[in-house]
Structures are given as structure tokens and as C-alpha cells.
């Protein structure tokens, strides 16, 4: 052991930390969702969502640039009360583009209507 009896000073990291590319905070979400390409309907699990997009866990593989329409689950809350299970879900259909994928699913960016 080098320097017997002494403590080694930790090396400080000086490399820059990569900045978060997302503009919106993500919220955890665990909801079943349906999504479609131009010719097929799929099912997956929403894992997180933000104002800019959504991450869907799915056994189906999609690639960056592909366009998908997703039924985004939105809990109904007409009076502003804190929701408790069970409650009715409503859906908003959003057009999205795949921006990245991993072995478990893919990240989508919402396409804003013009």
C-alpha cells in the first residue's frame, strides 16, 4: 500500500458534466397506452411523460424519425380534487416522432399542431 498510514486525496473530476437536453420536467407515469403507425396498432406502458414527450416501454422496436400516434392517458379531474384509484382515464391522441430508443422502449417527442 502506498503511503502507509496516510489517507489518499481523492481526485476531483474536472471533465464537464453533460447538460440535460430536455426542456420540460418529466413525471413518472405507469399507464397502459395504445399507439399506432399508419398500418398497425400496438400496446405499451407509459413510464414517464412531460409537456414535450413521453417514454413508452414496449417490446416493439421503432427507430428515430418514425412517426407514431399515441393515446396519452389523462386522468379526469373536473373539480381539481386529488384523485384516488379507481378513476376514469380520458385519452388525448397525439402525433409523435421517435427521437431515441433503448432495449426496453423508446422516447417520443410530441409534434405540435401548426
C-alpha atoms as a PDB file:
ATOM      1  CA  UNK A   1       0.000   0.000   0.000  1.00  0.00           C
ATOM      2  CA  UNK A   2       1.475   3.320  -0.971  1.00  0.00           C
ATOM      3  CA  UNK A   3       1.789   5.955   1.717  1.00  0.00           C
ATOM      4  CA  UNK A   4       1.268   3.711   4.730  1.00  0.00           C
ATOM      5  CA  UNK A   5      -0.883   5.245   7.429  1.00  0.00           C
ATOM      6  CA  UNK A   6      -1.886   8.254   5.326  1.00  0.00           C
ATOM      7  CA  UNK A   7      -5.078   8.957   3.516  1.00  0.00           C
ATOM      8  CA  UNK A   8      -5.101   9.398  -0.209  1.00  0.00           C
ATOM      9  CA  UNK A   9      -6.600  12.576  -1.553  1.00  0.00           C
ATOM     10  CA  UNK A  10      -9.483  11.888  -3.930  1.00  0.00           C
ATOM     11  CA  UNK A  11      -9.046  13.103  -7.449  1.00  0.00           C
ATOM     12  CA  UNK A  12     -11.611  15.682  -8.379  1.00  0.00           C
ATOM     13  CA  UNK A  13     -13.384  15.302 -11.658  1.00  0.00           C
ATOM     14  CA  UNK A  14     -12.725  18.175 -13.971  1.00  0.00           C
ATOM     15  CA  UNK A  15     -14.448  16.952 -17.127  1.00  0.00           C
ATOM     16  CA  UNK A  16     -17.667  18.807 -17.946  1.00  0.00           C
ATOM     17  CA  UNK A  17     -20.955  17.204 -16.998  1.00  0.00           C
ATOM     18  CA  UNK A  18     -23.252  16.724 -19.960  1.00  0.00           C
ATOM     19  CA  UNK A  19     -26.227  19.056 -19.829  1.00  0.00           C
ATOM     20  CA  UNK A  20     -29.786  17.754 -19.842  1.00  0.00           C
ATOM     21  CA  UNK A  21     -31.276  18.216 -23.316  1.00  0.00           C
ATOM     22  CA  UNK A  22     -34.904  18.130 -22.188  1.00  0.00           C
ATOM     23  CA  UNK A  23     -36.782  21.411 -21.936  1.00  0.00           C
ATOM     24  CA  UNK A  24     -39.549  20.036 -19.706  1.00  0.00           C
ATOM     25  CA  UNK A  25     -39.520  18.165 -16.414  1.00  0.00           C
ATOM     26  CA  UNK A  26     -40.583  14.538 -16.638  1.00  0.00           C
ATOM     27  CA  UNK A  27     -43.176  12.939 -14.383  1.00  0.00           C
ATOM     28  CA  UNK A  28     -43.290   9.241 -13.589  1.00  0.00           C
ATOM     29  CA  UNK A  29     -46.313   7.527 -15.011  1.00  0.00           C
ATOM     30  CA  UNK A  30     -47.372   3.903 -15.153  1.00  0.00           C
ATOM     31  CA  UNK A  31     -50.272   3.597 -17.558  1.00  0.00           C
ATOM     32  CA  UNK A  32     -51.111   1.240 -20.376  1.00  0.00           C
ATOM     33  CA  UNK A  33     -51.346   3.042 -23.687  1.00  0.00           C
ATOM     34  CA  UNK A  34     -52.104   2.255 -27.290  1.00  0.00           C
ATOM     35  CA  UNK A  35     -50.159   3.676 -30.194  1.00  0.00           C
ATOM     36  CA  UNK A  36     -50.329   3.274 -33.930  1.00  0.00           C
ATOM     37  CA  UNK A  37     -48.283   3.570 -37.072  1.00  0.00           C
ATOM     38  CA  UNK A  38     -50.007   4.060 -40.398  1.00  0.00           C
ATOM     39  CA  UNK A  39     -50.895   0.353 -40.594  1.00  0.00           C
ATOM     40  CA  UNK A  40     -50.741  -1.264 -37.142  1.00  0.00           C
ATOM     41  CA  UNK A  41     -51.974  -0.835 -33.544  1.00  0.00           C
ATOM     42  CA  UNK A  42     -49.651  -1.589 -30.599  1.00  0.00           C
ATOM     43  CA  UNK A  43     -49.831  -1.634 -26.810  1.00  0.00           C
ATOM     44  CA  UNK A  44     -47.203  -0.394 -24.376  1.00  0.00           C
ATOM     45  CA  UNK A  45     -46.615   1.115 -20.957  1.00  0.00           C
ATOM     46  CA  UNK A  46     -46.061   4.845 -20.430  1.00  0.00           C
ATOM     47  CA  UNK A  47     -43.172   5.164 -17.942  1.00  0.00           C
ATOM     48  CA  UNK A  48     -42.703   8.937 -17.901  1.00  0.00           C
ATOM     49  CA  UNK A  49     -44.237  11.956 -19.554  1.00  0.00           C
ATOM     50  CA  UNK A  50     -43.599  15.676 -19.915  1.00  0.00           C
ATOM     51  CA  UNK A  51     -45.035  18.591 -21.865  1.00  0.00           C
ATOM     52  CA  UNK A  52     -42.589  17.741 -24.648  1.00  0.00           C
ATOM     53  CA  UNK A  53     -42.859  13.983 -24.959  1.00  0.00           C
ATOM     54  CA  UNK A  54     -43.275  10.542 -23.483  1.00  0.00           C
ATOM     55  CA  UNK A  55     -41.270   7.362 -22.878  1.00  0.00           C
ATOM     56  CA  UNK A  56     -43.059   4.115 -23.742  1.00  0.00           C
ATOM     57  CA  UNK A  57     -41.867   0.701 -22.665  1.00  0.00           C
ATOM     58  CA  UNK A  58     -42.697  -1.786 -25.385  1.00  0.00           C
ATOM     59  CA  UNK A  59     -41.435  -4.980 -26.942  1.00  0.00           C
ATOM     60  CA  UNK A  60     -41.883  -3.367 -30.345  1.00  0.00           C
ATOM     61  CA  UNK A  61     -38.898  -1.671 -31.934  1.00  0.00           C
ATOM     62  CA  UNK A  62     -39.139   1.704 -33.603  1.00  0.00           C
ATOM     63  CA  UNK A  63     -36.379   3.921 -34.952  1.00  0.00           C
ATOM     64  CA  UNK A  64     -35.643   7.632 -34.655  1.00  0.00           C
ATOM     65  CA  UNK A  65     -37.638   9.590 -37.201  1.00  0.00           C
ATOM     66  CA  UNK A  66     -40.616   7.225 -37.324  1.00  0.00           C
ATOM     67  CA  UNK A  67     -43.985   8.869 -36.726  1.00  0.00           C
ATOM     68  CA  UNK A  68     -46.483   7.363 -34.297  1.00  0.00           C
ATOM     69  CA  UNK A  69     -49.877   8.413 -32.948  1.00  0.00           C
ATOM     70  CA  UNK A  70     -50.208   7.762 -29.207  1.00  0.00           C
ATOM     71  CA  UNK A  71     -53.289   7.698 -26.978  1.00  0.00           C
ATOM     72  CA  UNK A  72     -51.944   9.623 -23.987  1.00  0.00           C
ATOM     73  CA  UNK A  73     -53.794   8.641 -20.784  1.00  0.00           C
ATOM     74  CA  UNK A  74     -55.037  11.683 -18.842  1.00  0.00           C
ATOM     75  CA  UNK A  75     -56.827  11.188 -15.520  1.00  0.00           C
ATOM     76  CA  UNK A  76     -60.059  13.136 -15.445  1.00  0.00           C
ATOM     77  CA  UNK A  77     -60.306  15.629 -12.616  1.00  0.00           C
ATOM     78  CA  UNK A  78     -63.147  18.082 -13.283  1.00  0.00           C
ATOM     79  CA  UNK A  79     -63.159  19.633  -9.801  1.00  0.00           C
ATOM     80  CA  UNK A  80     -59.440  19.828  -9.029  1.00  0.00           C
ATOM     81  CA  UNK A  81     -59.553  17.287  -6.193  1.00  0.00           C
ATOM     82  CA  UNK A  82     -56.729  14.874  -5.556  1.00  0.00           C
ATOM     83  CA  UNK A  83     -57.548  11.727  -7.490  1.00  0.00           C
ATOM     84  CA  UNK A  84     -57.721   8.316  -5.867  1.00  0.00           C
ATOM     85  CA  UNK A  85     -57.976   4.932  -7.534  1.00  0.00           C
ATOM     86  CA  UNK A  86     -60.135   3.876  -9.200  1.00  0.00           C
ATOM     87  CA  UNK A  87     -60.805   6.779 -11.515  1.00  0.00           C
ATOM     88  CA  UNK A  88     -61.719   7.136 -15.135  1.00  0.00           C
ATOM     89  CA  UNK A  89     -58.999   7.859 -17.646  1.00  0.00           C
ATOM     90  CA  UNK A  90     -59.517  10.002 -20.676  1.00  0.00           C
ATOM     91  CA  UNK A  91     -57.206   9.948 -23.657  1.00  0.00           C
ATOM     92  CA  UNK A  92     -55.698  12.577 -25.891  1.00  0.00           C
ATOM     93  CA  UNK A  93     -54.394  11.386 -29.242  1.00  0.00           C
ATOM     94  CA  UNK A  94     -51.036  12.970 -30.014  1.00  0.00           C
ATOM     95  CA  UNK A  95     -48.871  12.723 -33.096  1.00  0.00           C
ATOM     96  CA  UNK A  96     -45.272  11.996 -32.141  1.00  0.00           C
ATOM     97  CA  UNK A  97     -41.877  11.298 -33.625  1.00  0.00           C
ATOM     98  CA  UNK A  98     -39.439   8.744 -32.214  1.00  0.00           C
ATOM     99  CA  UNK A  99     -36.314  10.564 -31.012  1.00  0.00           C
ATOM    100  CA  UNK A 100     -34.420   7.714 -29.340  1.00  0.00           C
ATOM    101  CA  UNK A 101     -34.729   4.073 -28.366  1.00  0.00           C
ATOM    102  CA  UNK A 102     -33.236   1.644 -25.878  1.00  0.00           C
ATOM    103  CA  UNK A 103     -33.669  -2.116 -25.369  1.00  0.00           C
ATOM    104  CA  UNK A 104     -36.848  -1.585 -23.294  1.00  0.00           C
ATOM    105  CA  UNK A 105     -38.708   1.060 -25.272  1.00  0.00           C
ATOM    106  CA  UNK A 106     -38.479   4.436 -26.983  1.00  0.00           C
ATOM    107  CA  UNK A 107     -38.716   8.164 -26.380  1.00  0.00           C
ATOM    108  CA  UNK A 108     -41.202  10.242 -28.338  1.00  0.00           C
ATOM    109  CA  UNK A 109     -41.426  13.990 -28.914  1.00  0.00           C
ATOM    110  CA  UNK A 110     -44.900  15.428 -29.350  1.00  0.00           C
ATOM    111  CA  UNK A 111     -45.482  17.058 -32.730  1.00  0.00           C
ATOM    112  CA  UNK A 112     -47.274  20.339 -32.104  1.00  0.00           C
ATOM    113  CA  UNK A 113     -50.151  21.134 -34.469  1.00  0.00           C
ATOM    114  CA  UNK A 114     -49.463  24.128 -36.704  1.00  0.00           C
END
